[in-house]
Amino acid sequence: MIETTQLTKRYGNLTAVDGISFKVEPGQVLGFLGPNGAGKSTTMKMIAGFLAPTSGGAKVCGYDVESQPIEAKRSLGYLPEGAPSYGEMTPRAFLEFIADVRGIAGDARKRRLDDVIGRLQLEGVLAQPIDTLSKGFKRRVGLAQAILHDPPVLILDEPTDGLDPNQKHEVRALINAMSHDKIIVISTHILEEVHAVCTRAVIIAGGKLLADATPAELETRSRYHGAVSLTATNTGEARAALARVADIESIEIDPQDHRITAFPKKGRAIFVAVSDALKAQNVTVSELALEAGRLDEVFRTITQPQIKGGRA
């Protein structure tokens, strides 16, 4: 597993990471969320052994990243932010170099190179200098080197940054395929990515861990959880019908698309009552949906106090 204990990093008077503790076990994909400057990349660099913590510590597969750095690094693949590489090298030469560094030889070397080249669809650019590649292909080369030695732990900092929608889908499918027997930690600011690949999400801001839950559990913190949204042909008629539902706390209408959202009183379920009220008043609706909750709203609610306080 990955385990951090009061992991802290200070730069003079600035505390970039402030006593973060969590565990990640095999089969989990942990989404590491936070606004810019929250401490996500700094935390990942400390887990990967690229930065020494000021205090606290981290273990990867039981190896302490400070006292057993070689063993810890053998156990993980790391894609840093920006996917840095040697621009004058071709992807083929770069991956051969990584295979040398990782000590991969013989039949295993060819098998692993062929596997990652195929998975990341790099066949068409293997002979081009990396500097000439698009941002998306550079990211794919970076991901290829991270998984080349088939590590049990992956630390991926913004793995889909710069990819087009098709490439994002492919990388997310790859992450899902690898997640069954690996520990994967993904730093991202793309909330849809949390739904797409993460079984668990940690939110940090100002260097502090503020939330740790499944995406579904985080959504229950949203004021939209249990709300009912709808689009009606006649907004006025729909609102009048909803006013008859006793368990509705409030009603909001989006000024742009006129979508109506009805919020329940605490502990109440209103979907059936809303549907019945609309039918009884012959209100024509094109869409009627029960809201699970909105992760973006939860994210703002959790992180904005830290941002406003100048902590993130």
C-alpha atoms as a PDB file:
ATOM      1  CA  MET A   1       0.000   0.000   0.000  1.00  0.00           C
ATOM      2  CA  ILE A   2       0.874   3.685   0.040  1.00  0.00           C
ATOM      3  CA  GLU A   3       0.880   5.186   3.493  1.00  0.00           C
ATOM      4  CA  THR A   4       1.652   8.763   4.476  1.00  0.00           C
ATOM      5  CA  THR A   5       1.968   9.871   8.090  1.00  0.00           C
ATOM      6  CA  GLN A   6       1.785  13.583   8.931  1.00  0.00           C
ATOM      7  CA  LEU A   7       3.595  14.341   5.679  1.00  0.00           C
ATOM      8  CA  THR A   8       4.785  17.951   5.779  1.00  0.00           C
ATOM      9  CA  LYS A   9       6.827  20.196   3.495  1.00  0.00           C
ATOM     10  CA  ARG A  10       7.878  23.732   4.376  1.00  0.00           C
ATOM     11  CA  TYR A  11       9.756  26.317   2.341  1.00  0.00           C
ATOM     12  CA  GLY A  12      10.830  28.926   4.860  1.00  0.00           C
ATOM     13  CA  ASN A  13       7.617  30.415   6.256  1.00  0.00           C
ATOM     14  CA  LEU A  14       5.470  28.736   3.607  1.00  0.00           C
ATOM     15  CA  THR A  15       3.902  25.402   4.507  1.00  0.00           C
ATOM     16  CA  ALA A  16       3.165  23.729   1.171  1.00  0.00           C
ATOM     17  CA  VAL A  17       1.955  20.430   2.678  1.00  0.00           C
ATOM     18  CA  ASP A  18       0.641  20.429   6.230  1.00  0.00           C
ATOM     19  CA  GLY A  19       0.505  17.099   8.061  1.00  0.00           C
ATOM     20  CA  ILE A  20      -1.248  14.942   5.446  1.00  0.00           C
ATOM     21  CA  SER A  21      -2.003  11.324   6.406  1.00  0.00           C
ATOM     22  CA  PHE A  22      -3.784   8.699   4.294  1.00  0.00           C
ATOM     23  CA  LYS A  23      -3.534   5.093   3.078  1.00  0.00           C
ATOM     24  CA  VAL A  24      -4.198   3.633  -0.372  1.00  0.00           C
ATOM     25  CA  GLU A  25      -4.582  -0.115  -0.900  1.00  0.00           C
ATOM     26  CA  PRO A  26      -4.417  -2.346  -4.012  1.00  0.00           C
ATOM     27  CA  GLY A  27      -7.420  -1.993  -6.283  1.00  0.00           C
ATOM     28  CA  GLN A  28      -8.024   1.619  -5.300  1.00  0.00           C
ATOM     29  CA  VAL A  29      -7.713   4.573  -7.657  1.00  0.00           C
ATOM     30  CA  LEU A  30      -7.290   7.666  -5.514  1.00  0.00           C
ATOM     31  CA  GLY A  31      -8.115  11.025  -7.056  1.00  0.00           C
ATOM     32  CA  PHE A  32      -6.021  13.801  -5.570  1.00  0.00           C
ATOM     33  CA  LEU A  33      -8.036  17.011  -5.968  1.00  0.00           C
ATOM     34  CA  GLY A  34      -7.334  20.602  -5.096  1.00  0.00           C
ATOM     35  CA  PRO A  35      -7.049  24.111  -6.519  1.00  0.00           C
ATOM     36  CA  ASN A  36      -3.812  25.382  -8.021  1.00  0.00           C
ATOM     37  CA  GLY A  37      -1.164  25.685  -5.311  1.00  0.00           C
ATOM     38  CA  ALA A  38      -2.981  23.303  -2.973  1.00  0.00           C
ATOM     39  CA  GLY A  39       0.049  21.038  -2.493  1.00  0.00           C
ATOM     40  CA  LYS A  40      -0.988  18.144  -4.761  1.00  0.00           C
ATOM     41  CA  SER A  41       2.203  17.928  -6.819  1.00  0.00           C
ATOM     42  CA  THR A  42       4.406  18.513  -3.776  1.00  0.00           C
ATOM     43  CA  THR A  43       2.725  15.609  -1.962  1.00  0.00           C
ATOM     44  CA  MET A  44       3.146  13.333  -4.975  1.00  0.00           C
ATOM     45  CA  LYS A  45       6.804  14.268  -5.333  1.00  0.00           C
ATOM     46  CA  MET A  46       7.420  13.343  -1.694  1.00  0.00           C
ATOM     47  CA  ILE A  47       5.667   9.977  -2.100  1.00  0.00           C
ATOM     48  CA  ALA A  48       7.729   9.325  -5.244  1.00  0.00           C
ATOM     49  CA  GLY A  49      10.960  10.234  -3.449  1.00  0.00           C
ATOM     50  CA  PHE A  50      11.742  13.325  -5.538  1.00  0.00           C
ATOM     51  CA  LEU A  51      11.344  15.679  -2.581  1.00  0.00           C
ATOM     52  CA  ALA A  52      12.367  15.078   1.015  1.00  0.00           C
ATOM     53  CA  PRO A  53       9.654  15.911   3.559  1.00  0.00           C
ATOM     54  CA  THR A  54      10.356  18.466   6.267  1.00  0.00           C
ATOM     55  CA  SER A  55       8.677  16.116   8.721  1.00  0.00           C
ATOM     56  CA  GLY A  56       6.482  13.046   8.654  1.00  0.00           C
ATOM     57  CA  GLY A  57       6.998  10.266   6.158  1.00  0.00           C
ATOM     58  CA  ALA A  58       5.680   8.034   3.417  1.00  0.00           C
ATOM     59  CA  LYS A  59       5.897   4.328   2.603  1.00  0.00           C
ATOM     60  CA  VAL A  60       5.414   2.589  -0.737  1.00  0.00           C
ATOM     61  CA  CYS A  61       4.717  -1.160  -0.538  1.00  0.00           C
ATOM     62  CA  GLY A  62       6.167  -1.127   2.962  1.00  0.00           C
ATOM     63  CA  TYR A  63       9.385   0.675   1.952  1.00  0.00           C
ATOM     64  CA  ASP A  64      10.163   4.020   3.554  1.00  0.00           C
ATOM     65  CA  VAL A  65      10.809   6.512   0.756  1.00  0.00           C
ATOM     66  CA  GLU A  66      13.662   8.159   2.705  1.00  0.00           C
ATOM     67  CA  SER A  67      15.465   5.228   4.340  1.00  0.00           C
ATOM     68  CA  GLN A  68      14.746   2.693   1.545  1.00  0.00           C
ATOM     69  CA  PRO A  69      14.584   4.901  -1.570  1.00  0.00           C
ATOM     70  CA  ILE A  70      15.727   2.329  -4.141  1.00  0.00           C
ATOM     71  CA  GLU A  71      13.242  -0.318  -3.036  1.00  0.00           C
ATOM     72  CA  ALA A  72      10.424   2.235  -2.912  1.00  0.00           C
ATOM     73  CA  LYS A  73      11.202   3.576  -6.396  1.00  0.00           C
ATOM     74  CA  ARG A  74      11.376   0.065  -7.841  1.00  0.00           C
ATOM     75  CA  SER A  75       7.802  -0.406  -6.682  1.00  0.00           C
ATOM     76  CA  LEU A  76       6.338   2.630  -8.371  1.00  0.00           C
ATOM     77  CA  GLY A  77       5.907   4.300 -11.715  1.00  0.00           C
ATOM     78  CA  TYR A  78       5.802   8.095 -11.692  1.00  0.00           C
ATOM     79  CA  LEU A  79       4.451  10.508 -14.260  1.00  0.00           C
ATOM     80  CA  PRO A  80       5.467  14.010 -13.121  1.00  0.00           C
ATOM     81  CA  GLU A  81       3.494  17.122 -13.979  1.00  0.00           C
ATOM     82  CA  GLY A  82       4.237  18.123 -17.572  1.00  0.00           C
ATOM     83  CA  ALA A  83       5.635  14.679 -18.472  1.00  0.00           C
ATOM     84  CA  PRO A  84       9.297  15.787 -18.650  1.00  0.00           C
ATOM     85  CA  SER A  85      11.654  13.804 -20.868  1.00  0.00           C
ATOM     86  CA  TYR A  86      14.736  14.237 -23.063  1.00  0.00           C
ATOM     87  CA  GLY A  87      13.443  16.220 -26.019  1.00  0.00           C
ATOM     88  CA  GLU A  88      16.267  15.299 -28.379  1.00  0.00           C
ATOM     89  CA  MET A  89      15.531  11.586 -27.951  1.00  0.00           C
ATOM     90  CA  THR A  90      12.931   9.698 -29.941  1.00  0.00           C
ATOM     91  CA  PRO A  91      10.206   7.861 -27.997  1.00  0.00           C
ATOM     92  CA  ARG A  92      11.889   4.566 -28.953  1.00  0.00           C
ATOM     93  CA  ALA A  93      15.289   5.716 -27.644  1.00  0.00           C
ATOM     94  CA  PHE A  94      13.739   7.206 -24.506  1.00  0.00           C
ATOM     95  CA  LEU A  95      11.857   4.036 -23.643  1.00  0.00           C
ATOM     96  CA  GLU A  96      14.956   1.918 -24.352  1.00  0.00           C
ATOM     97  CA  PHE A  97      16.838   4.214 -21.953  1.00  0.00           C
ATOM     98  CA  ILE A  98      14.180   3.761 -19.280  1.00  0.00           C
ATOM     99  CA  ALA A  99      14.351  -0.006 -19.783  1.00  0.00           C
ATOM    100  CA  ASP A 100      18.126   0.196 -19.167  1.00  0.00           C
ATOM    101  CA  VAL A 101      17.604   2.253 -15.997  1.00  0.00           C
ATOM    102  CA  ARG A 102      14.952  -0.161 -14.754  1.00  0.00           C
ATOM    103  CA  GLY A 103      17.153  -3.187 -15.513  1.00  0.00           C
ATOM    104  CA  ILE A 104      14.672  -4.766 -17.917  1.00  0.00           C
ATOM    105  CA  ALA A 105      16.449  -7.197 -20.249  1.00  0.00           C
ATOM    106  CA  GLY A 106      15.951 -10.201 -22.527  1.00  0.00           C
ATOM    107  CA  ASP A 107      12.519 -11.357 -23.594  1.00  0.00           C
ATOM    108  CA  ALA A 108      10.875  -9.307 -20.838  1.00  0.00           C
ATOM    109  CA  ARG A 109      12.348  -6.126 -22.306  1.00  0.00           C
ATOM    110  CA  LYS A 110      10.876  -6.684 -25.770  1.00  0.00           C
ATOM    111  CA  ARG A 111       7.556  -7.797 -24.295  1.00  0.00           C
ATOM    112  CA  ARG A 112       7.244  -4.749 -22.042  1.00  0.00           C
ATOM    113  CA  LEU A 113       8.318  -2.288 -24.767  1.00  0.00           C
ATOM    114  CA  ASP A 114       5.874  -3.761 -27.258  1.00  0.00           C
ATOM    115  CA  ASP A 115       3.113  -3.693 -24.648  1.00  0.00           C
ATOM    116  CA  VAL A 116       3.448  -0.032 -23.627  1.00  0.00           C
ATOM    117  CA  ILE A 117       4.021   1.161 -27.213  1.00  0.00           C
ATOM    118  CA  GLY A 118       0.838  -0.614 -28.260  1.00  0.00           C
ATOM    119  CA  ARG A 119      -1.218   0.493 -25.271  1.00  0.00           C
ATOM    120  CA  LEU A 120      -0.287   4.157 -25.730  1.00  0.00           C
ATOM    121  CA  GLN A 121      -0.488   3.961 -29.543  1.00  0.00           C
ATOM    122  CA  LEU A 122       3.016   5.327 -30.082  1.00  0.00           C
ATOM    123  CA  GLU A 123       3.873   3.279 -33.185  1.00  0.00           C
ATOM    124  CA  GLY A 124       3.512   6.242 -35.552  1.00  0.00           C
ATOM    125  CA  VAL A 125       5.886   8.560 -33.672  1.00  0.00           C
ATOM    126  CA  LEU A 126       8.623   6.211 -32.437  1.00  0.00           C
ATOM    127  CA  ALA A 127      11.264   7.722 -34.730  1.00  0.00           C
ATOM    128  CA  GLN A 128      10.434  11.424 -34.171  1.00  0.00           C
ATOM    129  CA  PRO A 129      12.339  13.587 -31.663  1.00  0.00           C
ATOM    130  CA  ILE A 130      10.147  14.044 -28.583  1.00  0.00           C
ATOM    131  CA  ASP A 131      10.487  17.836 -28.889  1.00  0.00           C
ATOM    132  CA  THR A 132       8.575  17.681 -32.185  1.00  0.00           C
ATOM    133  CA  LEU A 133       5.605  15.797 -30.729  1.00  0.00           C
ATOM    134  CA  SER A 134       2.288  17.318 -29.719  1.00  0.00           C
ATOM    135  CA  LYS A 135       1.553  17.864 -26.055  1.00  0.00           C
ATOM    136  CA  GLY A 136      -0.744  14.856 -26.117  1.00  0.00           C
ATOM    137  CA  PHE A 137       1.891  12.508 -27.526  1.00  0.00           C
ATOM    138  CA  LYS A 138       4.482  13.812 -25.044  1.00  0.00           C
ATOM    139  CA  ARG A 139       2.029  12.922 -22.276  1.00  0.00           C
ATOM    140  CA  ARG A 140       1.579   9.439 -23.721  1.00  0.00           C
ATOM    141  CA  VAL A 141       5.353   8.906 -23.850  1.00  0.00           C
ATOM    142  CA  GLY A 142       5.536   9.967 -20.208  1.00  0.00           C
ATOM    143  CA  LEU A 143       2.816   7.521 -19.259  1.00  0.00           C
ATOM    144  CA  ALA A 144       4.560   4.763 -21.226  1.00  0.00           C
ATOM    145  CA  GLN A 145       7.773   5.184 -19.224  1.00  0.00           C
ATOM    146  CA  ALA A 146       5.803   5.157 -15.961  1.00  0.00           C
ATOM    147  CA  ILE A 147       4.234   1.753 -16.657  1.00  0.00           C
ATOM    148  CA  LEU A 148       7.169   0.171 -18.540  1.00  0.00           C
ATOM    149  CA  HIS A 149       8.348  -1.968 -15.609  1.00  0.00           C
ATOM    150  CA  ASP A 150       4.741  -2.931 -14.672  1.00  0.00           C
ATOM    151  CA  PRO A 151       4.958  -1.483 -11.145  1.00  0.00           C
ATOM    152  CA  PRO A 152       2.415  -2.270  -8.397  1.00  0.00           C
ATOM    153  CA  VAL A 153       2.050   1.478  -7.653  1.00  0.00           C
ATOM    154  CA  LEU A 154       1.428   4.342 -10.079  1.00  0.00           C
ATOM    155  CA  ILE A 155       1.673   8.035  -9.232  1.00  0.00           C
ATOM    156  CA  LEU A 156       0.200  10.058 -12.099  1.00  0.00           C
ATOM    157  CA  ASP A 157       0.246  13.858 -11.992  1.00  0.00           C
ATOM    158  CA  GLU A 158      -2.381  15.198 -14.434  1.00  0.00           C
ATOM    159  CA  PRO A 159      -2.181  12.130 -16.735  1.00  0.00           C
ATOM    160  CA  THR A 160      -4.734  13.396 -19.284  1.00  0.00           C
ATOM    161  CA  ASP A 161      -3.630  17.024 -19.435  1.00  0.00           C
ATOM    162  CA  GLY A 162      -3.337  18.099 -23.070  1.00  0.00           C
ATOM    163  CA  LEU A 163      -5.122  15.075 -24.504  1.00  0.00           C
ATOM    164  CA  ASP A 164      -8.104  15.343 -26.829  1.00  0.00           C
ATOM    165  CA  PRO A 165     -11.405  13.662 -25.784  1.00  0.00           C
ATOM    166  CA  ASN A 166     -10.596  10.413 -27.621  1.00  0.00           C
ATOM    167  CA  GLN A 167      -7.123  10.214 -26.067  1.00  0.00           C
ATOM    168  CA  LYS A 168      -8.557  10.975 -22.620  1.00  0.00           C
ATOM    169  CA  HIS A 169     -11.004   8.110 -23.038  1.00  0.00           C
ATOM    170  CA  GLU A 170      -8.168   5.765 -24.039  1.00  0.00           C
ATOM    171  CA  VAL A 171      -5.972   6.734 -21.075  1.00  0.00           C
ATOM    172  CA  ARG A 172      -8.888   6.427 -18.654  1.00  0.00           C
ATOM    173  CA  ALA A 173      -9.690   2.989 -20.067  1.00  0.00           C
ATOM    174  CA  LEU A 174      -6.037   2.011 -19.562  1.00  0.00           C
ATOM    175  CA  ILE A 175      -6.117   3.246 -15.954  1.00  0.00           C
ATOM    176  CA  ASN A 176      -9.323   1.313 -15.287  1.00  0.00           C
ATOM    177  CA  ALA A 177      -7.793  -1.829 -16.814  1.00  0.00           C
ATOM    178  CA  MET A 178      -4.686  -1.539 -14.623  1.00  0.00           C
ATOM    179  CA  SER A 179      -6.560  -0.643 -11.434  1.00  0.00           C
ATOM    180  CA  HIS A 180      -7.612  -4.187 -10.486  1.00  0.00           C
ATOM    181  CA  ASP A 181      -4.226  -5.194  -9.115  1.00  0.00           C
ATOM    182  CA  LYS A 182      -2.424  -1.862  -8.691  1.00  0.00           C
ATOM    183  CA  ILE A 183      -2.483   1.157  -6.429  1.00  0.00           C
ATOM    184  CA  ILE A 184      -3.032   4.268  -8.529  1.00  0.00           C
ATOM    185  CA  VAL A 185      -2.937   7.874  -7.344  1.00  0.00           C
ATOM    186  CA  ILE A 186      -4.028  10.524  -9.821  1.00  0.00           C
ATOM    187  CA  SER A 187      -3.692  14.252  -9.373  1.00  0.00           C
ATOM    188  CA  THR A 188      -6.303  16.075 -11.408  1.00  0.00           C
ATOM    189  CA  HIS A 189      -8.345  19.247 -11.585  1.00  0.00           C
ATOM    190  CA  ILE A 190     -10.818  17.640 -14.016  1.00  0.00           C
ATOM    191  CA  LEU A 191     -13.802  16.589 -11.903  1.00  0.00           C
ATOM    192  CA  GLU A 192     -15.229  14.356 -14.635  1.00  0.00           C
ATOM    193  CA  GLU A 193     -12.048  12.305 -14.310  1.00  0.00           C
ATOM    194  CA  VAL A 194     -12.959  11.493 -10.724  1.00  0.00           C
ATOM    195  CA  HIS A 195     -16.213   9.927 -11.899  1.00  0.00           C
ATOM    196  CA  ALA A 196     -14.480   8.193 -14.804  1.00  0.00           C
ATOM    197  CA  VAL A 197     -11.670   6.397 -12.958  1.00  0.00           C
ATOM    198  CA  CYS A 198     -11.530   7.084  -9.211  1.00  0.00           C
ATOM    199  CA  THR A 199     -12.888   4.858  -6.468  1.00  0.00           C
ATOM    200  CA  ARG A 200     -11.920   7.394  -3.835  1.00  0.00           C
ATOM    201  CA  ALA A 201     -11.149  11.110  -3.716  1.00  0.00           C
ATOM    202  CA  VAL A 202      -9.014  13.257  -1.432  1.00  0.00           C
ATOM    203  CA  ILE A 203      -9.476  17.029  -1.506  1.00  0.00           C
ATOM    204  CA  ILE A 204      -6.692  19.279  -0.266  1.00  0.00           C
ATOM    205  CA  ALA A 205      -6.308  23.045  -0.115  1.00  0.00           C
ATOM    206  CA  GLY A 206      -3.723  25.173   1.622  1.00  0.00           C
ATOM    207  CA  GLY A 207      -1.659  22.022   2.099  1.00  0.00           C
ATOM    208  CA  LYS A 208      -4.314  20.447   4.351  1.00  0.00           C
ATOM    209  CA  LEU A 209      -6.384  17.335   3.748  1.00  0.00           C
ATOM    210  CA  LEU A 210     -10.007  18.522   3.904  1.00  0.00           C
ATOM    211  CA  ALA A 211     -11.982  15.504   2.645  1.00  0.00           C
ATOM    212  CA  ASP A 212     -11.438  11.796   2.012  1.00  0.00           C
ATOM    213  CA  ALA A 213     -14.372   9.792   0.646  1.00  0.00           C
ATOM    214  CA  THR A 214     -15.767   8.019  -2.391  1.00  0.00           C
ATOM    215  CA  PRO A 215     -17.094  10.303  -5.151  1.00  0.00           C
ATOM    216  CA  ALA A 216     -20.642   9.211  -4.290  1.00  0.00           C
ATOM    217  CA  GLU A 217     -20.115  10.041  -0.612  1.00  0.00           C
ATOM    218  CA  LEU A 218     -18.769  13.473  -1.525  1.00  0.00           C
ATOM    219  CA  GLU A 219     -21.822  14.111  -3.692  1.00  0.00           C
ATOM    220  CA  THR A 220     -24.103  13.526  -0.701  1.00  0.00           C
ATOM    221  CA  ARG A 221     -22.564  16.685   0.815  1.00  0.00           C
ATOM    222  CA  SER A 222     -23.923  18.712  -2.088  1.00  0.00           C
ATOM    223  CA  ARG A 223     -27.025  20.820  -1.579  1.00  0.00           C
ATOM    224  CA  TYR A 224     -28.205  19.283  -4.860  1.00  0.00           C
ATOM    225  CA  HIS A 225     -28.208  15.757  -3.398  1.00  0.00           C
ATOM    226  CA  GLY A 226     -31.817  14.559  -3.551  1.00  0.00           C
ATOM    227  CA  ALA A 227     -32.981  17.616  -5.477  1.00  0.00           C
ATOM    228  CA  VAL A 228     -35.129  17.246  -8.580  1.00  0.00           C
ATOM    229  CA  SER A 229     -34.324  19.142 -11.767  1.00  0.00           C
ATOM    230  CA  LEU A 230     -36.593  19.513 -14.775  1.00  0.00           C
ATOM    231  CA  THR A 231     -37.132  21.356 -18.019  1.00  0.00           C
ATOM    232  CA  ALA A 232     -40.728  22.334 -18.759  1.00  0.00           C
ATOM    233  CA  THR A 233     -42.481  23.818 -21.787  1.00  0.00           C
ATOM    234  CA  ASN A 234     -44.142  26.389 -19.525  1.00  0.00           C
ATOM    235  CA  THR A 235     -41.916  27.423 -16.622  1.00  0.00           C
ATOM    236  CA  GLY A 236     -44.696  29.292 -14.833  1.00  0.00           C
ATOM    237  CA  GLU A 237     -47.038  26.325 -14.870  1.00  0.00           C
ATOM    238  CA  ALA A 238     -44.281  24.025 -13.627  1.00  0.00           C
ATOM    239  CA  ARG A 239     -43.418  26.328 -10.766  1.00  0.00           C
ATOM    240  CA  ALA A 240     -47.077  26.595  -9.749  1.00  0.00           C
ATOM    241  CA  ALA A 241     -47.372  22.799  -9.724  1.00  0.00           C
ATOM    242  CA  LEU A 242     -44.231  22.437  -7.603  1.00  0.00           C
ATOM    243  CA  ALA A 243     -45.600  24.945  -5.088  1.00  0.00           C
ATOM    244  CA  ARG A 244     -48.180  22.292  -4.189  1.00  0.00           C
ATOM    245  CA  VAL A 245     -45.500  19.841  -2.971  1.00  0.00           C
ATOM    246  CA  ALA A 246     -45.219  20.250   0.792  1.00  0.00           C
ATOM    247  CA  ASP A 247     -41.746  18.703   1.149  1.00  0.00           C
ATOM    248  CA  ILE A 248     -40.045  21.174  -1.198  1.00  0.00           C
ATOM    249  CA  GLU A 249     -37.855  23.643   0.687  1.00  0.00           C
ATOM    250  CA  SER A 250     -37.076  25.977  -2.224  1.00  0.00           C
ATOM    251  CA  ILE A 251     -37.207  26.299  -6.002  1.00  0.00           C
ATOM    252  CA  GLU A 252     -34.552  27.816  -8.262  1.00  0.00           C
ATOM    253  CA  ILE A 253     -34.739  28.629 -11.970  1.00  0.00           C
ATOM    254  CA  ASP A 254     -31.570  28.936 -14.047  1.00  0.00           C
ATOM    255  CA  PRO A 255     -31.706  32.350 -15.774  1.00  0.00           C
ATOM    256  CA  GLN A 256     -29.979  31.010 -18.896  1.00  0.00           C
ATOM    257  CA  ASP A 257     -31.673  27.734 -19.786  1.00  0.00           C
ATOM    258  CA  HIS A 258     -34.706  28.121 -17.454  1.00  0.00           C
ATOM    259  CA  ARG A 259     -34.036  24.705 -15.934  1.00  0.00           C
ATOM    260  CA  ILE A 260     -35.943  24.339 -12.678  1.00  0.00           C
ATOM    261  CA  THR A 261     -34.445  22.755  -9.579  1.00  0.00           C
ATOM    262  CA  ALA A 262     -36.583  21.838  -6.564  1.00  0.00           C
ATOM    263  CA  PHE A 263     -34.723  21.337  -3.280  1.00  0.00           C
ATOM    264  CA  PRO A 264     -36.217  19.028  -0.635  1.00  0.00           C
ATOM    265  CA  LYS A 265     -36.633  19.745   3.032  1.00  0.00           C
ATOM    266  CA  LYS A 266     -34.013  17.957   5.115  1.00  0.00           C
ATOM    267  CA  GLY A 267     -34.472  14.202   5.097  1.00  0.00           C
ATOM    268  CA  ARG A 268     -37.302  14.275   2.568  1.00  0.00           C
ATOM    269  CA  ALA A 269     -37.571  12.512  -0.795  1.00  0.00           C
ATOM    270  CA  ILE A 270     -39.530  14.510  -3.354  1.00  0.00           C
ATOM    271  CA  PHE A 271     -39.081  12.868  -6.761  1.00  0.00           C
ATOM    272  CA  VAL A 272     -42.359  10.916  -6.763  1.00  0.00           C
ATOM    273  CA  ALA A 273     -44.320  13.858  -5.343  1.00  0.00           C
ATOM    274  CA  VAL A 274     -42.860  16.213  -7.948  1.00  0.00           C
ATOM    275  CA  SER A 275     -43.664  13.811 -10.777  1.00  0.00           C
ATOM    276  CA  ASP A 276     -47.233  13.354  -9.527  1.00  0.00           C
ATOM    277  CA  ALA A 277     -47.777  17.103  -9.108  1.00  0.00           C
ATOM    278  CA  LEU A 278     -46.608  17.817 -12.664  1.00  0.00           C
ATOM    279  CA  LYS A 279     -48.863  15.095 -14.080  1.00  0.00           C
ATOM    280  CA  ALA A 280     -51.851  16.308 -12.063  1.00  0.00           C
ATOM    281  CA  GLN A 281     -51.472  19.804 -13.514  1.00  0.00           C
ATOM    282  CA  ASN A 282     -50.796  18.506 -17.045  1.00  0.00           C
ATOM    283  CA  VAL A 283     -47.390  20.199 -17.155  1.00  0.00           C
ATOM    284  CA  THR A 284     -45.351  19.080 -20.162  1.00  0.00           C
ATOM    285  CA  VAL A 285     -41.726  18.339 -19.259  1.00  0.00           C
ATOM    286  CA  SER A 286     -38.903  17.310 -21.578  1.00  0.00           C
ATOM    287  CA  GLU A 287     -36.606  16.189 -18.768  1.00  0.00           C
ATOM    288  CA  LEU A 288     -37.067  15.160 -15.148  1.00  0.00           C
ATOM    289  CA  ALA A 289     -34.078  13.970 -13.114  1.00  0.00           C
ATOM    290  CA  LEU A 290     -33.149  13.124  -9.550  1.00  0.00           C
ATOM    291  CA  GLU A 291     -29.865  14.821  -8.651  1.00  0.00           C
ATOM    292  CA  ALA A 292     -27.155  12.657  -7.078  1.00  0.00           C
ATOM    293  CA  GLY A 293     -25.255  15.791  -6.100  1.00  0.00           C
ATOM    294  CA  ARG A 294     -22.721  18.007  -7.820  1.00  0.00           C
ATOM    295  CA  LEU A 295     -19.063  17.371  -7.165  1.00  0.00           C
ATOM    296  CA  ASP A 296     -18.013  20.794  -8.456  1.00  0.00           C
ATOM    297  CA  GLU A 297     -20.226  22.492  -5.882  1.00  0.00           C
ATOM    298  CA  VAL A 298     -18.849  20.295  -3.075  1.00  0.00           C
ATOM    299  CA  PHE A 299     -15.312  21.082  -4.267  1.00  0.00           C
ATOM    300  CA  ARG A 300     -15.970  24.837  -4.125  1.00  0.00           C
ATOM    301  CA  THR A 301     -17.641  24.622  -0.727  1.00  0.00           C
ATOM    302  CA  ILE A 302     -14.717  22.697   0.752  1.00  0.00           C
ATOM    303  CA  THR A 303     -11.833  24.635  -0.833  1.00  0.00           C
ATOM    304  CA  GLN A 304     -13.028  28.264  -1.061  1.00  0.00           C
ATOM    305  CA  PRO A 305     -12.590  29.069   2.657  1.00  0.00           C
ATOM    306  CA  GLN A 306      -8.914  28.093   2.298  1.00  0.00           C
ATOM    307  CA  ILE A 307      -8.520  30.139  -0.889  1.00  0.00           C
ATOM    308  CA  LYS A 308     -10.191  33.215   0.596  1.00  0.00           C
ATOM    309  CA  GLY A 309      -7.961  32.903   3.629  1.00  0.00           C
ATOM    310  CA  GLY A 310      -4.895  33.066   1.365  1.00  0.00           C
ATOM    311  CA  ARG A 311      -3.921  29.488   2.112  1.00  0.00           C
ATOM    312  CA  ALA A 312      -4.091  28.007  -1.384  1.00  0.00           C
END
